[in-house]
Amino acid sequence: MFEHEYIIRLVKAGVQTAVALFAGKDAVKSDIDIENYDMTLSEDELLEFMMRKYINEGKINEAENILFEDIKFRKTKKNLETALLFYKELNKWDEAKLLKYNFSKFEVEQGLKDVRKLYEKY
């Protein structure tokens, strides 16, 4: 719950900054009302956003935990695509980089197998 609210605040701050930059105004002093801009994310899109964010931050185990928690709760086609994207990105990393973030090629393979098992009944 708190993670969801935090991500929403991050997205709103990002939108406000982008709007201010495009409008040529200082983001802190901007008087642009972001409430007039309709930016909504579905739960599936939010999951993908979080996966990309966590990968960029090297929080691989946290990302995987969130991924599986969401998939167990909602087995959607988009969540499956997000899971495949997650493991595809990690598979591009070499073993040394994965180990730096307490992950491994074996865990990538195992994660894919686990996702497959969850979706077999879907």
PDB file of N, CA and C in Angstrom:
ATOM      1  N   MET A   1       0.819  -1.187   0.000  1.00  0.00           N
ATOM      2  CA  MET A   1       0.000   0.000   0.000  1.00  0.00           C
ATOM      3  C   MET A   1       0.865   1.253   0.000  1.00  0.00           C
ATOM      4  N   PHE A   2       1.841   1.304   0.926  1.00  0.00           N
ATOM      5  CA  PHE A   2       2.704   2.476   1.007  1.00  0.00           C
ATOM      6  C   PHE A   2       3.554   2.601  -0.248  1.00  0.00           C
ATOM      7  N   GLU A   3       3.988   1.463  -0.777  1.00  0.00           N
ATOM      8  CA  GLU A   3       4.793   1.456  -2.000  1.00  0.00           C
ATOM      9  C   GLU A   3       3.985   2.052  -3.150  1.00  0.00           C
ATOM     10  N   HIS A   4       2.727   1.670  -3.241  1.00  0.00           N
ATOM     11  CA  HIS A   4       1.844   2.164  -4.297  1.00  0.00           C
ATOM     12  C   HIS A   4       1.705   3.691  -4.197  1.00  0.00           C
ATOM     13  N   GLU A   5       1.461   4.193  -2.982  1.00  0.00           N
ATOM     14  CA  GLU A   5       1.319   5.635  -2.790  1.00  0.00           C
ATOM     15  C   GLU A   5       2.619   6.359  -3.122  1.00  0.00           C
ATOM     16  N   TYR A   6       3.736   5.758  -2.741  1.00  0.00           N
ATOM     17  CA  TYR A   6       5.038   6.349  -3.030  1.00  0.00           C
ATOM     18  C   TYR A   6       5.260   6.452  -4.534  1.00  0.00           C
ATOM     19  N   ILE A   7       4.941   5.401  -5.261  1.00  0.00           N
ATOM     20  CA  ILE A   7       5.117   5.394  -6.712  1.00  0.00           C
ATOM     21  C   ILE A   7       4.212   6.452  -7.348  1.00  0.00           C
ATOM     22  N   ILE A   8       2.995   6.569  -6.873  1.00  0.00           N
ATOM     23  CA  ILE A   8       2.077   7.580  -7.410  1.00  0.00           C
ATOM     24  C   ILE A   8       2.659   8.972  -7.182  1.00  0.00           C
ATOM     25  N   ARG A   9       3.201   9.226  -5.987  1.00  0.00           N
ATOM     26  CA  ARG A   9       3.820  10.532  -5.724  1.00  0.00           C
ATOM     27  C   ARG A   9       5.008  10.772  -6.646  1.00  0.00           C
ATOM     28  N   LEU A  10       5.806   9.720  -6.877  1.00  0.00           N
ATOM     29  CA  LEU A  10       6.949   9.845  -7.791  1.00  0.00           C
ATOM     30  C   LEU A  10       6.497  10.190  -9.203  1.00  0.00           C
ATOM     31  N   VAL A  11       5.467   9.510  -9.648  1.00  0.00           N
ATOM     32  CA  VAL A  11       4.953   9.751 -10.996  1.00  0.00           C
ATOM     33  C   VAL A  11       4.427  11.180 -11.103  1.00  0.00           C
ATOM     34  N   LYS A  12       3.660  11.625 -10.108  1.00  0.00           N
ATOM     35  CA  LYS A  12       3.126  12.981 -10.136  1.00  0.00           C
ATOM     36  C   LYS A  12       4.246  14.011 -10.134  1.00  0.00           C
ATOM     37  N   ALA A  13       5.277  13.781  -9.323  1.00  0.00           N
ATOM     38  CA  ALA A  13       6.410  14.711  -9.284  1.00  0.00           C
ATOM     39  C   ALA A  13       7.130  14.720 -10.624  1.00  0.00           C
ATOM     40  N   GLY A  14       7.274  13.546 -11.236  1.00  0.00           N
ATOM     41  CA  GLY A  14       7.905  13.456 -12.548  1.00  0.00           C
ATOM     42  C   GLY A  14       7.115  14.184 -13.615  1.00  0.00           C
ATOM     43  N   VAL A  15       5.810  14.035 -13.563  1.00  0.00           N
ATOM     44  CA  VAL A  15       4.940  14.718 -14.526  1.00  0.00           C
ATOM     45  C   VAL A  15       5.037  16.223 -14.324  1.00  0.00           C
ATOM     46  N   GLN A  16       5.002  16.653 -13.076  1.00  0.00           N
ATOM     47  CA  GLN A  16       5.090  18.082 -12.793  1.00  0.00           C
ATOM     48  C   GLN A  16       6.413  18.644 -13.299  1.00  0.00           C
ATOM     49  N   THR A  17       7.490  17.927 -13.081  1.00  0.00           N
ATOM     50  CA  THR A  17       8.800  18.366 -13.548  1.00  0.00           C
ATOM     51  C   THR A  17       8.839  18.421 -15.066  1.00  0.00           C
ATOM     52  N   ALA A  18       8.334  17.382 -15.720  1.00  0.00           N
ATOM     53  CA  ALA A  18       8.332  17.352 -17.184  1.00  0.00           C
ATOM     54  C   ALA A  18       7.505  18.496 -17.758  1.00  0.00           C
ATOM     55  N   VAL A  19       6.337  18.717 -17.191  1.00  0.00           N
ATOM     56  CA  VAL A  19       5.473  19.800 -17.671  1.00  0.00           C
ATOM     57  C   VAL A  19       6.164  21.141 -17.468  1.00  0.00           C
ATOM     58  N   ALA A  20       6.793  21.320 -16.318  1.00  0.00           N
ATOM     59  CA  ALA A  20       7.489  22.575 -16.040  1.00  0.00           C
ATOM     60  C   ALA A  20       8.654  22.776 -17.001  1.00  0.00           C
ATOM     61  N   LEU A  21       9.385  21.714 -17.269  1.00  0.00           N
ATOM     62  CA  LEU A  21      10.521  21.824 -18.186  1.00  0.00           C
ATOM     63  C   LEU A  21      10.067  22.153 -19.602  1.00  0.00           C
ATOM     64  N   PHE A  22       9.023  21.473 -20.052  1.00  0.00           N
ATOM     65  CA  PHE A  22       8.519  21.744 -21.395  1.00  0.00           C
ATOM     66  C   PHE A  22       7.927  23.140 -21.512  1.00  0.00           C
ATOM     67  N   ALA A  23       7.397  23.623 -20.415  1.00  0.00           N
ATOM     68  CA  ALA A  23       6.817  24.963 -20.429  1.00  0.00           C
ATOM     69  C   ALA A  23       7.876  26.033 -20.187  1.00  0.00           C
ATOM     70  N   GLY A  24       9.115  25.609 -19.899  1.00  0.00           N
ATOM     71  CA  GLY A  24      10.205  26.549 -19.679  1.00  0.00           C
ATOM     72  C   GLY A  24      10.149  27.235 -18.335  1.00  0.00           C
ATOM     73  N   LYS A  25       9.599  26.569 -17.347  1.00  0.00           N
ATOM     74  CA  LYS A  25       9.491  27.157 -16.015  1.00  0.00           C
ATOM     75  C   LYS A  25      10.276  26.322 -15.027  1.00  0.00           C
ATOM     76  N   ASP A  26      10.624  26.937 -13.927  1.00  0.00           N
ATOM     77  CA  ASP A  26      11.308  26.251 -12.853  1.00  0.00           C
ATOM     78  C   ASP A  26      10.323  25.269 -12.208  1.00  0.00           C
ATOM     79  N   ALA A  27      10.719  24.015 -12.092  1.00  0.00           N
ATOM     80  CA  ALA A  27       9.811  22.993 -11.588  1.00  0.00           C
ATOM     81  C   ALA A  27       9.386  23.267 -10.152  1.00  0.00           C
ATOM     82  N   VAL A  28      10.268  23.841  -9.350  1.00  0.00           N
ATOM     83  CA  VAL A  28       9.934  24.104  -7.961  1.00  0.00           C
ATOM     84  C   VAL A  28       8.966  25.275  -7.848  1.00  0.00           C
ATOM     85  N   LYS A  29       9.181  26.303  -8.669  1.00  0.00           N
ATOM     86  CA  LYS A  29       8.369  27.508  -8.584  1.00  0.00           C
ATOM     87  C   LYS A  29       7.209  27.506  -9.575  1.00  0.00           C
ATOM     88  N   SER A  30       7.043  26.423 -10.303  1.00  0.00           N
ATOM     89  CA  SER A  30       6.026  26.380 -11.341  1.00  0.00           C
ATOM     90  C   SER A  30       4.631  26.534 -10.759  1.00  0.00           C
ATOM     91  N   ASP A  31       3.828  27.298 -11.456  1.00  0.00           N
ATOM     92  CA  ASP A  31       2.444  27.456 -11.041  1.00  0.00           C
ATOM     93  C   ASP A  31       1.512  26.619 -11.908  1.00  0.00           C
ATOM     94  N   ILE A  32       2.102  25.694 -12.653  1.00  0.00           N
ATOM     95  CA  ILE A  32       1.305  24.814 -13.505  1.00  0.00           C
ATOM     96  C   ILE A  32       0.538  23.844 -12.610  1.00  0.00           C
ATOM     97  N   ASP A  33      -0.717  23.750 -12.840  1.00  0.00           N
ATOM     98  CA  ASP A  33      -1.586  22.886 -12.052  1.00  0.00           C
ATOM     99  C   ASP A  33      -1.593  21.500 -12.688  1.00  0.00           C
ATOM    100  N   ILE A  34      -0.904  20.545 -12.056  1.00  0.00           N
ATOM    101  CA  ILE A  34      -0.832  19.200 -12.641  1.00  0.00           C
ATOM    102  C   ILE A  34      -2.154  18.464 -12.541  1.00  0.00           C
ATOM    103  N   GLU A  35      -3.076  18.974 -11.755  1.00  0.00           N
ATOM    104  CA  GLU A  35      -4.379  18.335 -11.650  1.00  0.00           C
ATOM    105  C   GLU A  35      -5.144  18.417 -12.973  1.00  0.00           C
ATOM    106  N   ASN A  36      -4.773  19.384 -13.822  1.00  0.00           N
ATOM    107  CA  ASN A  36      -5.434  19.524 -15.114  1.00  0.00           C
ATOM    108  C   ASN A  36      -4.906  18.527 -16.144  1.00  0.00           C
ATOM    109  N   TYR A  37      -3.848  17.820 -15.820  1.00  0.00           N
ATOM    110  CA  TYR A  37      -3.273  16.840 -16.728  1.00  0.00           C
ATOM    111  C   TYR A  37      -3.695  15.462 -16.266  1.00  0.00           C
ATOM    112  N   ASP A  38      -4.347  14.759 -17.140  1.00  0.00           N
ATOM    113  CA  ASP A  38      -4.864  13.445 -16.800  1.00  0.00           C
ATOM    114  C   ASP A  38      -3.819  12.389 -17.130  1.00  0.00           C
ATOM    115  N   MET A  39      -3.180  11.893 -16.115  1.00  0.00           N
ATOM    116  CA  MET A  39      -2.209  10.817 -16.306  1.00  0.00           C
ATOM    117  C   MET A  39      -2.585   9.689 -15.358  1.00  0.00           C
ATOM    118  N   THR A  40      -3.046   8.619 -15.928  1.00  0.00           N
ATOM    119  CA  THR A  40      -3.422   7.484 -15.112  1.00  0.00           C
ATOM    120  C   THR A  40      -2.632   6.265 -15.554  1.00  0.00           C
ATOM    121  N   LEU A  41      -2.328   5.427 -14.597  1.00  0.00           N
ATOM    122  CA  LEU A  41      -1.641   4.176 -14.860  1.00  0.00           C
ATOM    123  C   LEU A  41      -2.525   3.046 -14.358  1.00  0.00           C
ATOM    124  N   SER A  42      -2.628   2.018 -15.156  1.00  0.00           N
ATOM    125  CA  SER A  42      -3.334   0.841 -14.676  1.00  0.00           C
ATOM    126  C   SER A  42      -2.408   0.111 -13.710  1.00  0.00           C
ATOM    127  N   GLU A  43      -2.959  -0.820 -12.966  1.00  0.00           N
ATOM    128  CA  GLU A  43      -2.134  -1.596 -12.048  1.00  0.00           C
ATOM    129  C   GLU A  43      -1.051  -2.353 -12.815  1.00  0.00           C
ATOM    130  N   ASP A  44      -1.398  -2.845 -13.998  1.00  0.00           N
ATOM    131  CA  ASP A  44      -0.424  -3.565 -14.819  1.00  0.00           C
ATOM    132  C   ASP A  44       0.701  -2.647 -15.265  1.00  0.00           C
ATOM    133  N   GLU A  45       0.354  -1.440 -15.678  1.00  0.00           N
ATOM    134  CA  GLU A  45       1.370  -0.480 -16.113  1.00  0.00           C
ATOM    135  C   GLU A  45       2.245  -0.053 -14.940  1.00  0.00           C
ATOM    136  N   LEU A  46       1.644   0.075 -13.779  1.00  0.00           N
ATOM    137  CA  LEU A  46       2.395   0.438 -12.588  1.00  0.00           C
ATOM    138  C   LEU A  46       3.401  -0.653 -12.248  1.00  0.00           C
ATOM    139  N   LEU A  47       3.007  -1.902 -12.392  1.00  0.00           N
ATOM    140  CA  LEU A  47       3.928  -3.004 -12.124  1.00  0.00           C
ATOM    141  C   LEU A  47       5.119  -2.931 -13.069  1.00  0.00           C
ATOM    142  N   GLU A  48       4.868  -2.712 -14.353  1.00  0.00           N
ATOM    143  CA  GLU A  48       5.971  -2.610 -15.303  1.00  0.00           C
ATOM    144  C   GLU A  48       6.877  -1.431 -14.958  1.00  0.00           C
ATOM    145  N   PHE A  49       6.288  -0.303 -14.617  1.00  0.00           N
ATOM    146  CA  PHE A  49       7.056   0.874 -14.219  1.00  0.00           C
ATOM    147  C   PHE A  49       7.951   0.550 -13.023  1.00  0.00           C
ATOM    148  N   MET A  50       7.383  -0.130 -12.034  1.00  0.00           N
ATOM    149  CA  MET A  50       8.151  -0.494 -10.845  1.00  0.00           C
ATOM    150  C   MET A  50       9.283  -1.458 -11.179  1.00  0.00           C
ATOM    151  N   MET A  51       9.030  -2.416 -12.062  1.00  0.00           N
ATOM    152  CA  MET A  51      10.067  -3.369 -12.438  1.00  0.00           C
ATOM    153  C   MET A  51      11.246  -2.641 -13.090  1.00  0.00           C
ATOM    154  N   ARG A  52      10.933  -1.739 -14.000  1.00  0.00           N
ATOM    155  CA  ARG A  52      11.994  -0.979 -14.671  1.00  0.00           C
ATOM    156  C   ARG A  52      12.771  -0.122 -13.675  1.00  0.00           C
ATOM    157  N   LYS A  53      12.054   0.508 -12.766  1.00  0.00           N
ATOM    158  CA  LYS A  53      12.682   1.358 -11.751  1.00  0.00           C
ATOM    159  C   LYS A  53      13.605   0.522 -10.869  1.00  0.00           C
ATOM    160  N   TYR A  54      13.113  -0.598 -10.371  1.00  0.00           N
ATOM    161  CA  TYR A  54      13.908  -1.434  -9.488  1.00  0.00           C
ATOM    162  C   TYR A  54      15.113  -2.035 -10.211  1.00  0.00           C
ATOM    163  N   ILE A  55      14.954  -2.416 -11.464  1.00  0.00           N
ATOM    164  CA  ILE A  55      16.100  -2.924 -12.224  1.00  0.00           C
ATOM    165  C   ILE A  55      17.170  -1.839 -12.324  1.00  0.00           C
ATOM    166  N   ASN A  56      16.751  -0.623 -12.651  1.00  0.00           N
ATOM    167  CA  ASN A  56      17.705   0.485 -12.772  1.00  0.00           C
ATOM    168  C   ASN A  56      18.408   0.776 -11.458  1.00  0.00           C
ATOM    169  N   GLU A  57      17.731   0.541 -10.345  1.00  0.00           N
ATOM    170  CA  GLU A  57      18.316   0.786  -9.029  1.00  0.00           C
ATOM    171  C   GLU A  57      19.080  -0.423  -8.498  1.00  0.00           C
ATOM    172  N   GLY A  58      19.029  -1.538  -9.217  1.00  0.00           N
ATOM    173  CA  GLY A  58      19.710  -2.751  -8.771  1.00  0.00           C
ATOM    174  C   GLY A  58      18.976  -3.486  -7.661  1.00  0.00           C
ATOM    175  N   LYS A  59      17.712  -3.191  -7.471  1.00  0.00           N
ATOM    176  CA  LYS A  59      16.903  -3.848  -6.437  1.00  0.00           C
ATOM    177  C   LYS A  59      16.174  -5.045  -7.053  1.00  0.00           C
ATOM    178  N   ILE A  60      16.972  -6.000  -7.482  1.00  0.00           N
ATOM    179  CA  ILE A  60      16.446  -7.120  -8.247  1.00  0.00           C
ATOM    180  C   ILE A  60      15.568  -8.034  -7.401  1.00  0.00           C
ATOM    181  N   ASN A  61      16.033  -8.389  -6.215  1.00  0.00           N
ATOM    182  CA  ASN A  61      15.241  -9.286  -5.364  1.00  0.00           C
ATOM    183  C   ASN A  61      13.925  -8.645  -4.943  1.00  0.00           C
ATOM    184  N   GLU A  62      13.957  -7.355  -4.630  1.00  0.00           N
ATOM    185  CA  GLU A  62      12.734  -6.657  -4.269  1.00  0.00           C
ATOM    186  C   GLU A  62      11.760  -6.648  -5.446  1.00  0.00           C
ATOM    187  N   ALA A  63      12.294  -6.396  -6.628  1.00  0.00           N
ATOM    188  CA  ALA A  63      11.458  -6.378  -7.829  1.00  0.00           C
ATOM    189  C   ALA A  63      10.820  -7.735  -8.059  1.00  0.00           C
ATOM    190  N   GLU A  64      11.602  -8.780  -7.932  1.00  0.00           N
ATOM    191  CA  GLU A  64      11.072 -10.124  -8.152  1.00  0.00           C
ATOM    192  C   GLU A  64       9.986 -10.456  -7.128  1.00  0.00           C
ATOM    193  N   ASN A  65      10.192 -10.055  -5.890  1.00  0.00           N
ATOM    194  CA  ASN A  65       9.177 -10.310  -4.858  1.00  0.00           C
ATOM    195  C   ASN A  65       7.864  -9.607  -5.189  1.00  0.00           C
ATOM    196  N   ILE A  66       7.947  -8.355  -5.601  1.00  0.00           N
ATOM    197  CA  ILE A  66       6.748  -7.599  -5.971  1.00  0.00           C
ATOM    198  C   ILE A  66       6.079  -8.234  -7.185  1.00  0.00           C
ATOM    199  N   LEU A  67       6.894  -8.636  -8.148  1.00  0.00           N
ATOM    200  CA  LEU A  67       6.375  -9.264  -9.356  1.00  0.00           C
ATOM    201  C   LEU A  67       5.542 -10.499  -9.018  1.00  0.00           C
ATOM    202  N   PHE A  68       6.109 -11.393  -8.219  1.00  0.00           N
ATOM    203  CA  PHE A  68       5.386 -12.625  -7.894  1.00  0.00           C
ATOM    204  C   PHE A  68       4.180 -12.363  -7.010  1.00  0.00           C
ATOM    205  N   GLU A  69       4.296 -11.403  -6.118  1.00  0.00           N
ATOM    206  CA  GLU A  69       3.150 -11.059  -5.273  1.00  0.00           C
ATOM    207  C   GLU A  69       1.983 -10.586  -6.134  1.00  0.00           C
ATOM    208  N   ASP A  70       2.292  -9.757  -7.123  1.00  0.00           N
ATOM    209  CA  ASP A  70       1.235  -9.240  -7.991  1.00  0.00           C
ATOM    210  C   ASP A  70       0.672 -10.328  -8.902  1.00  0.00           C
ATOM    211  N   ILE A  71       1.543 -11.167  -9.439  1.00  0.00           N
ATOM    212  CA  ILE A  71       1.077 -12.238 -10.325  1.00  0.00           C
ATOM    213  C   ILE A  71       0.186 -13.221  -9.571  1.00  0.00           C
ATOM    214  N   LYS A  72       0.543 -13.531  -8.346  1.00  0.00           N
ATOM    215  CA  LYS A  72      -0.289 -14.451  -7.565  1.00  0.00           C
ATOM    216  C   LYS A  72      -1.660 -13.858  -7.298  1.00  0.00           C
ATOM    217  N   PHE A  73      -1.717 -12.534  -7.189  1.00  0.00           N
ATOM    218  CA  PHE A  73      -2.976 -11.847  -6.923  1.00  0.00           C
ATOM    219  C   PHE A  73      -3.778 -11.636  -8.204  1.00  0.00           C
ATOM    220  N   ARG A  74      -3.075 -11.292  -9.315  1.00  0.00           N
ATOM    221  CA  ARG A  74      -3.754 -10.979 -10.578  1.00  0.00           C
ATOM    222  C   ARG A  74      -2.966 -11.583 -11.740  1.00  0.00           C
ATOM    223  N   LYS A  75      -3.422 -12.654 -12.287  1.00  0.00           N
ATOM    224  CA  LYS A  75      -2.757 -13.279 -13.434  1.00  0.00           C
ATOM    225  C   LYS A  75      -3.308 -12.687 -14.718  1.00  0.00           C
ATOM    226  N   THR A  76      -2.728 -11.569 -15.133  1.00  0.00           N
ATOM    227  CA  THR A  76      -3.155 -10.919 -16.368  1.00  0.00           C
ATOM    228  C   THR A  76      -2.118 -11.159 -17.453  1.00  0.00           C
ATOM    229  N   LYS A  77      -2.529 -10.961 -18.679  1.00  0.00           N
ATOM    230  CA  LYS A  77      -1.606 -11.090 -19.809  1.00  0.00           C
ATOM    231  C   LYS A  77      -0.483 -10.062 -19.686  1.00  0.00           C
ATOM    232  N   LYS A  78      -0.827  -8.851 -19.273  1.00  0.00           N
ATOM    233  CA  LYS A  78       0.183  -7.790 -19.133  1.00  0.00           C
ATOM    234  C   LYS A  78       1.191  -8.131 -18.041  1.00  0.00           C
ATOM    235  N   ASN A  79       0.744  -8.745 -16.952  1.00  0.00           N
ATOM    236  CA  ASN A  79       1.684  -9.150 -15.905  1.00  0.00           C
ATOM    237  C   ASN A  79       2.641 -10.223 -16.410  1.00  0.00           C
ATOM    238  N   LEU A  80       2.134 -11.117 -17.233  1.00  0.00           N
ATOM    239  CA  LEU A  80       3.003 -12.128 -17.836  1.00  0.00           C
ATOM    240  C   LEU A  80       4.040 -11.450 -18.721  1.00  0.00           C
ATOM    241  N   GLU A  81       3.602 -10.503 -19.525  1.00  0.00           N
ATOM    242  CA  GLU A  81       4.535  -9.764 -20.382  1.00  0.00           C
ATOM    243  C   GLU A  81       5.575  -9.021 -19.545  1.00  0.00           C
ATOM    244  N   THR A  82       5.145  -8.447 -18.439  1.00  0.00           N
ATOM    245  CA  THR A  82       6.070  -7.731 -17.556  1.00  0.00           C
ATOM    246  C   THR A  82       7.081  -8.693 -16.946  1.00  0.00           C
ATOM    247  N   ALA A  83       6.627  -9.869 -16.557  1.00  0.00           N
ATOM    248  CA  ALA A  83       7.542 -10.871 -15.996  1.00  0.00           C
ATOM    249  C   ALA A  83       8.583 -11.284 -17.036  1.00  0.00           C
ATOM    250  N   LEU A  84       8.123 -11.505 -18.256  1.00  0.00           N
ATOM    251  CA  LEU A  84       9.056 -11.889 -19.322  1.00  0.00           C
ATOM    252  C   LEU A  84      10.039 -10.762 -19.617  1.00  0.00           C
ATOM    253  N   LEU A  85       9.558  -9.537 -19.604  1.00  0.00           N
ATOM    254  CA  LEU A  85      10.434  -8.383 -19.789  1.00  0.00           C
ATOM    255  C   LEU A  85      11.472  -8.307 -18.676  1.00  0.00           C
ATOM    256  N   PHE A  86      11.039  -8.502 -17.446  1.00  0.00           N
ATOM    257  CA  PHE A  86      11.921  -8.470 -16.281  1.00  0.00           C
ATOM    258  C   PHE A  86      13.063  -9.470 -16.438  1.00  0.00           C
ATOM    259  N   TYR A  87      12.720 -10.715 -16.737  1.00  0.00           N
ATOM    260  CA  TYR A  87      13.744 -11.747 -16.851  1.00  0.00           C
ATOM    261  C   TYR A  87      14.583 -11.586 -18.123  1.00  0.00           C
ATOM    262  N   LYS A  88      13.990 -11.052 -19.169  1.00  0.00           N
ATOM    263  CA  LYS A  88      14.744 -10.783 -20.399  1.00  0.00           C
ATOM    264  C   LYS A  88      15.841  -9.753 -20.128  1.00  0.00           C
ATOM    265  N   GLU A  89      15.480  -8.695 -19.403  1.00  0.00           N
ATOM    266  CA  GLU A  89      16.467  -7.664 -19.063  1.00  0.00           C
ATOM    267  C   GLU A  89      17.582  -8.238 -18.199  1.00  0.00           C
ATOM    268  N   LEU A  90      17.212  -9.032 -17.205  1.00  0.00           N
ATOM    269  CA  LEU A  90      18.226  -9.627 -16.327  1.00  0.00           C
ATOM    270  C   LEU A  90      19.097 -10.629 -17.065  1.00  0.00           C
ATOM    271  N   ASN A  91      18.523 -11.315 -18.030  1.00  0.00           N
ATOM    272  CA  ASN A  91      19.291 -12.301 -18.790  1.00  0.00           C
ATOM    273  C   ASN A  91      20.390 -11.646 -19.621  1.00  0.00           C
ATOM    274  N   LYS A  92      20.228 -10.357 -19.919  1.00  0.00           N
ATOM    275  CA  LYS A  92      21.257  -9.624 -20.660  1.00  0.00           C
ATOM    276  C   LYS A  92      22.497  -9.367 -19.803  1.00  0.00           C
ATOM    277  N   TRP A  93      22.325  -9.395 -18.495  1.00  0.00           N
ATOM    278  CA  TRP A  93      23.434  -9.131 -17.576  1.00  0.00           C
ATOM    279  C   TRP A  93      24.324 -10.363 -17.488  1.00  0.00           C
ATOM    280  N   ASP A  94      25.617 -10.141 -17.293  1.00  0.00           N
ATOM    281  CA  ASP A  94      26.500 -11.283 -17.078  1.00  0.00           C
ATOM    282  C   ASP A  94      26.418 -11.708 -15.608  1.00  0.00           C
ATOM    283  N   GLU A  95      26.959 -12.864 -15.325  1.00  0.00           N
ATOM    284  CA  GLU A  95      26.865 -13.439 -13.974  1.00  0.00           C
ATOM    285  C   GLU A  95      27.472 -12.509 -12.924  1.00  0.00           C
ATOM    286  N   ALA A  96      28.585 -11.861 -13.247  1.00  0.00           N
ATOM    287  CA  ALA A  96      29.237 -10.970 -12.283  1.00  0.00           C
ATOM    288  C   ALA A  96      28.331  -9.805 -11.895  1.00  0.00           C
ATOM    289  N   LYS A  97      27.671  -9.220 -12.872  1.00  0.00           N
ATOM    290  CA  LYS A  97      26.769  -8.105 -12.579  1.00  0.00           C
ATOM    291  C   LYS A  97      25.585  -8.576 -11.754  1.00  0.00           C
ATOM    292  N   LEU A  98      25.044  -9.730 -12.102  1.00  0.00           N
ATOM    293  CA  LEU A  98      23.930 -10.279 -11.324  1.00  0.00           C
ATOM    294  C   LEU A  98      24.354 -10.545  -9.879  1.00  0.00           C
ATOM    295  N   LEU A  99      25.523 -11.125  -9.704  1.00  0.00           N
ATOM    296  CA  LEU A  99      26.014 -11.428  -8.357  1.00  0.00           C
ATOM    297  C   LEU A  99      26.221 -10.162  -7.545  1.00  0.00           C
ATOM    298  N   LYS A 100      26.616  -9.090  -8.201  1.00  0.00           N
ATOM    299  CA  LYS A 100      26.789  -7.797  -7.526  1.00  0.00           C
ATOM    300  C   LYS A 100      25.498  -7.373  -6.844  1.00  0.00           C
ATOM    301  N   TYR A 101      24.360  -7.753  -7.430  1.00  0.00           N
ATOM    302  CA  TYR A 101      23.053  -7.401  -6.885  1.00  0.00           C
ATOM    303  C   TYR A 101      22.363  -8.610  -6.241  1.00  0.00           C
ATOM    304  N   ASN A 102      23.168  -9.573  -5.797  1.00  0.00           N
ATOM    305  CA  ASN A 102      22.667 -10.758  -5.093  1.00  0.00           C
ATOM    306  C   ASN A 102      21.648 -11.547  -5.908  1.00  0.00           C
ATOM    307  N   PHE A 103      21.944 -11.745  -7.179  1.00  0.00           N
ATOM    308  CA  PHE A 103      21.101 -12.520  -8.068  1.00  0.00           C
ATOM    309  C   PHE A 103      22.013 -13.390  -8.920  1.00  0.00           C
ATOM    310  N   SER A 104      21.446 -14.295  -9.703  1.00  0.00           N
ATOM    311  CA  SER A 104      22.271 -15.171 -10.534  1.00  0.00           C
ATOM    312  C   SER A 104      21.499 -15.603 -11.772  1.00  0.00           C
ATOM    313  N   LYS A 105      22.238 -16.156 -12.737  1.00  0.00           N
ATOM    314  CA  LYS A 105      21.602 -16.703 -13.939  1.00  0.00           C
ATOM    315  C   LYS A 105      20.654 -17.843 -13.559  1.00  0.00           C
ATOM    316  N   PHE A 106      21.050 -18.627 -12.558  1.00  0.00           N
ATOM    317  CA  PHE A 106      20.186 -19.715 -12.104  1.00  0.00           C
ATOM    318  C   PHE A 106      18.845 -19.164 -11.626  1.00  0.00           C
ATOM    319  N   GLU A 107      18.877 -18.051 -10.885  1.00  0.00           N
ATOM    320  CA  GLU A 107      17.642 -17.454 -10.386  1.00  0.00           C
ATOM    321  C   GLU A 107      16.785 -16.895 -11.520  1.00  0.00           C
ATOM    322  N   VAL A 108      17.422 -16.420 -12.574  1.00  0.00           N
ATOM    323  CA  VAL A 108      16.676 -15.959 -13.749  1.00  0.00           C
ATOM    324  C   VAL A 108      15.926 -17.137 -14.355  1.00  0.00           C
ATOM    325  N   GLU A 109      16.632 -18.255 -14.547  1.00  0.00           N
ATOM    326  CA  GLU A 109      16.009 -19.450 -15.109  1.00  0.00           C
ATOM    327  C   GLU A 109      14.901 -19.972 -14.200  1.00  0.00           C
ATOM    328  N   GLN A 110      15.169 -20.003 -12.892  1.00  0.00           N
ATOM    329  CA  GLN A 110      14.178 -20.501 -11.943  1.00  0.00           C
ATOM    330  C   GLN A 110      12.959 -19.589 -11.911  1.00  0.00           C
ATOM    331  N   GLY A 111      13.177 -18.294 -11.982  1.00  0.00           N
ATOM    332  CA  GLY A 111      12.073 -17.344 -11.998  1.00  0.00           C
ATOM    333  C   GLY A 111      11.168 -17.561 -13.191  1.00  0.00           C
ATOM    334  N   LEU A 112      11.762 -17.779 -14.346  1.00  0.00           N
ATOM    335  CA  LEU A 112      10.975 -18.045 -15.548  1.00  0.00           C
ATOM    336  C   LEU A 112      10.158 -19.328 -15.403  1.00  0.00           C
ATOM    337  N   LYS A 113      10.767 -20.339 -14.803  1.00  0.00           N
ATOM    338  CA  LYS A 113      10.043 -21.597 -14.579  1.00  0.00           C
ATOM    339  C   LYS A 113       8.873 -21.379 -13.611  1.00  0.00           C
ATOM    340  N   ASP A 114       9.117 -20.583 -12.576  1.00  0.00           N
ATOM    341  CA  ASP A 114       8.071 -20.317 -11.597  1.00  0.00           C
ATOM    342  C   ASP A 114       6.912 -19.533 -12.218  1.00  0.00           C
ATOM    343  N   VAL A 115       7.235 -18.570 -13.063  1.00  0.00           N
ATOM    344  CA  VAL A 115       6.186 -17.800 -13.757  1.00  0.00           C
ATOM    345  C   VAL A 115       5.384 -18.741 -14.646  1.00  0.00           C
ATOM    346  N   ARG A 116       6.076 -19.600 -15.338  1.00  0.00           N
ATOM    347  CA  ARG A 116       5.400 -20.565 -16.220  1.00  0.00           C
ATOM    348  C   ARG A 116       4.423 -21.428 -15.434  1.00  0.00           C
ATOM    349  N   LYS A 117       4.850 -21.909 -14.253  1.00  0.00           N
ATOM    350  CA  LYS A 117       3.969 -22.741 -13.424  1.00  0.00           C
ATOM    351  C   LYS A 117       2.726 -21.971 -13.000  1.00  0.00           C
ATOM    352  N   LEU A 118       2.912 -20.694 -12.645  1.00  0.00           N
ATOM    353  CA  LEU A 118       1.777 -19.895 -12.216  1.00  0.00           C
ATOM    354  C   LEU A 118       0.767 -19.677 -13.334  1.00  0.00           C
ATOM    355  N   TYR A 119       1.269 -19.593 -14.551  1.00  0.00           N
ATOM    356  CA  TYR A 119       0.379 -19.315 -15.688  1.00  0.00           C
ATOM    357  C   TYR A 119      -0.113 -20.575 -16.382  1.00  0.00           C
ATOM    358  N   GLU A 120       0.360 -21.745 -16.015  1.00  0.00           N
ATOM    359  CA  GLU A 120      -0.114 -22.974 -16.650  1.00  0.00           C
ATOM    360  C   GLU A 120      -1.614 -23.158 -16.436  1.00  0.00           C
ATOM    361  N   LYS A 121      -2.098 -22.759 -15.289  1.00  0.00           N
ATOM    362  CA  LYS A 121      -3.514 -22.934 -14.961  1.00  0.00           C
ATOM    363  C   LYS A 121      -4.344 -21.757 -15.399  1.00  0.00           C
ATOM    364  N   TYR A 122      -3.698 -20.737 -15.944  1.00  0.00           N
ATOM    365  CA  TYR A 122      -4.386 -19.506 -16.335  1.00  0.00           C
ATOM    366  C   TYR A 122      -5.112 -19.657 -17.589  1.00  0.00           C
TER     367      TYR A 122
END
